[in-house]
Structures are given as C-alpha cells and as structure tokens.
Amino acid sequence: MDELKEETVKWQEKLEKEVEDIEPESEDGEEFIKNINSYLSDSYYFKEEGDYVRSFECVIWSWAWLEIGERYNFLRKR
C-alpha cells in the first residue's frame, strides 16, 4: 500500500505541473481541462478518504484526458 500511496502522490504532483502549462485550443479544449481538473479533484478526495486505489485510478484518468487532448490538438502547451 505504501508504494501505491507514493505513486499516487507522485503523479498528482506531476499532473499539477502539467496543467499549469496547458491551455485550450477551442471550446472542446475547455471541456478537456474541466475533465482533467475534475478527475484530479476526485483523486485528492479519495486520497483524503484513504482510498488509494480510486485515487490512483482518478489521477490516471486525468492524465489520459491530458494526453488525448494534446494528441488531438484540443490542448496546447503555453
């Protein structure tokens, strides 16, 4: 369980930094950012509840939204 906690925190921190450096390319991009932030928020919520499995799942979903948004040009780095 300690490894899962460490990985969750590591990816939350990395994602926070990435989100600071992106901006939407369109209205659809704004929806991507909304979903990224929602999953990240859920990740923090589950971490506070001690549910590291769900917390990690949410941070991974958040990363997926980020990567898909960048790949299909809904998001761009500043």
Protein backbone atom coordinates (compact mmCIF):
# COMPACT_ATOMS: atom_id res chain seq x y z
CA MET A 1 0.00 0.00 0.00
CA ASP A 2 2.89 2.39 0.65
CA GLU A 3 4.03 2.09 -2.95
CA LEU A 4 0.54 2.92 -4.19
CA LYS A 5 0.41 5.99 -1.94
CA GLU A 6 3.80 7.17 -3.20
CA GLU A 7 2.86 6.65 -6.85
CA THR A 8 -0.44 8.45 -6.39
CA VAL A 9 1.19 11.49 -4.83
CA LYS A 10 3.97 11.50 -7.43
CA TRP A 11 1.53 11.52 -10.35
CA GLN A 12 -0.75 14.07 -8.72
CA GLU A 13 2.20 16.44 -8.35
CA LYS A 14 3.38 15.86 -11.93
CA LEU A 15 -0.11 16.44 -13.26
CA GLU A 16 -0.49 19.67 -11.31
CA LYS A 17 2.65 20.99 -13.02
CA GLU A 18 1.47 19.89 -16.47
CA VAL A 19 -1.94 21.50 -16.03
CA GLU A 20 -0.29 24.84 -15.26
CA ASP A 21 1.35 24.76 -18.70
CA ILE A 22 -1.63 23.94 -20.92
CA GLU A 23 -4.37 25.97 -22.46
CA PRO A 24 -7.38 25.08 -24.59
CA GLU A 25 -7.31 25.35 -28.37
CA SER A 26 -11.11 25.53 -28.57
CA GLU A 27 -14.31 25.14 -26.57
CA ASP A 28 -13.72 21.40 -26.72
CA GLY A 29 -10.32 22.01 -25.16
CA GLU A 30 -12.02 23.80 -22.29
CA GLU A 31 -14.09 20.66 -21.71
CA PHE A 32 -10.88 18.62 -21.64
CA ILE A 33 -9.42 20.91 -18.99
CA LYS A 34 -12.65 20.69 -16.99
CA ASN A 35 -12.46 16.88 -17.05
CA ILE A 36 -8.75 16.86 -16.19
CA ASN A 37 -9.40 19.06 -13.17
CA SER A 38 -12.47 17.07 -12.11
CA TYR A 39 -10.61 13.77 -12.11
CA LEU A 40 -7.68 15.38 -10.31
CA SER A 41 -10.02 16.77 -7.68
CA ASP A 42 -11.61 13.34 -7.26
CA SER A 43 -8.14 11.87 -6.88
CA TYR A 44 -7.40 14.21 -3.99
CA TYR A 45 -10.78 13.46 -2.43
CA PHE A 46 -10.23 9.70 -2.50
CA LYS A 47 -6.69 10.14 -1.17
CA GLU A 48 -8.09 12.05 1.82
CA GLU A 49 -10.56 9.22 2.35
CA GLY A 50 -7.68 6.74 2.36
CA ASP A 51 -8.93 5.06 -0.83
CA TYR A 52 -5.66 5.00 -2.74
CA VAL A 53 -6.91 2.60 -5.40
CA ARG A 54 -9.63 5.00 -6.53
CA SER A 55 -7.33 7.96 -6.02
CA PHE A 56 -4.74 6.43 -8.35
CA GLU A 57 -7.41 5.50 -10.89
CA CYS A 58 -8.64 9.09 -10.99
CA VAL A 59 -5.19 10.55 -11.47
CA ILE A 60 -4.61 8.10 -14.34
CA TRP A 61 -7.90 9.10 -15.97
CA SER A 62 -6.90 12.72 -15.59
CA TRP A 63 -3.59 12.00 -17.35
CA ALA A 64 -5.49 10.22 -20.12
CA TRP A 65 -7.64 13.32 -20.74
CA LEU A 66 -4.49 15.44 -20.84
CA GLU A 67 -2.65 13.20 -23.29
CA ILE A 68 -5.64 12.73 -25.58
CA GLY A 69 -6.30 16.47 -25.55
CA GLU A 70 -2.74 17.20 -26.56
CA ARG A 71 -2.56 14.46 -29.16
CA TYR A 72 -5.72 15.61 -30.93
CA ASN A 73 -4.94 19.33 -30.60
CA PHE A 74 -7.68 20.23 -28.14
CA LEU A 75 -4.94 21.44 -25.78
CA ARG A 76 -1.55 23.02 -26.24
CA LYS A 77 1.41 23.85 -24.05
CA ARG A 78 1.97 27.52 -23.32
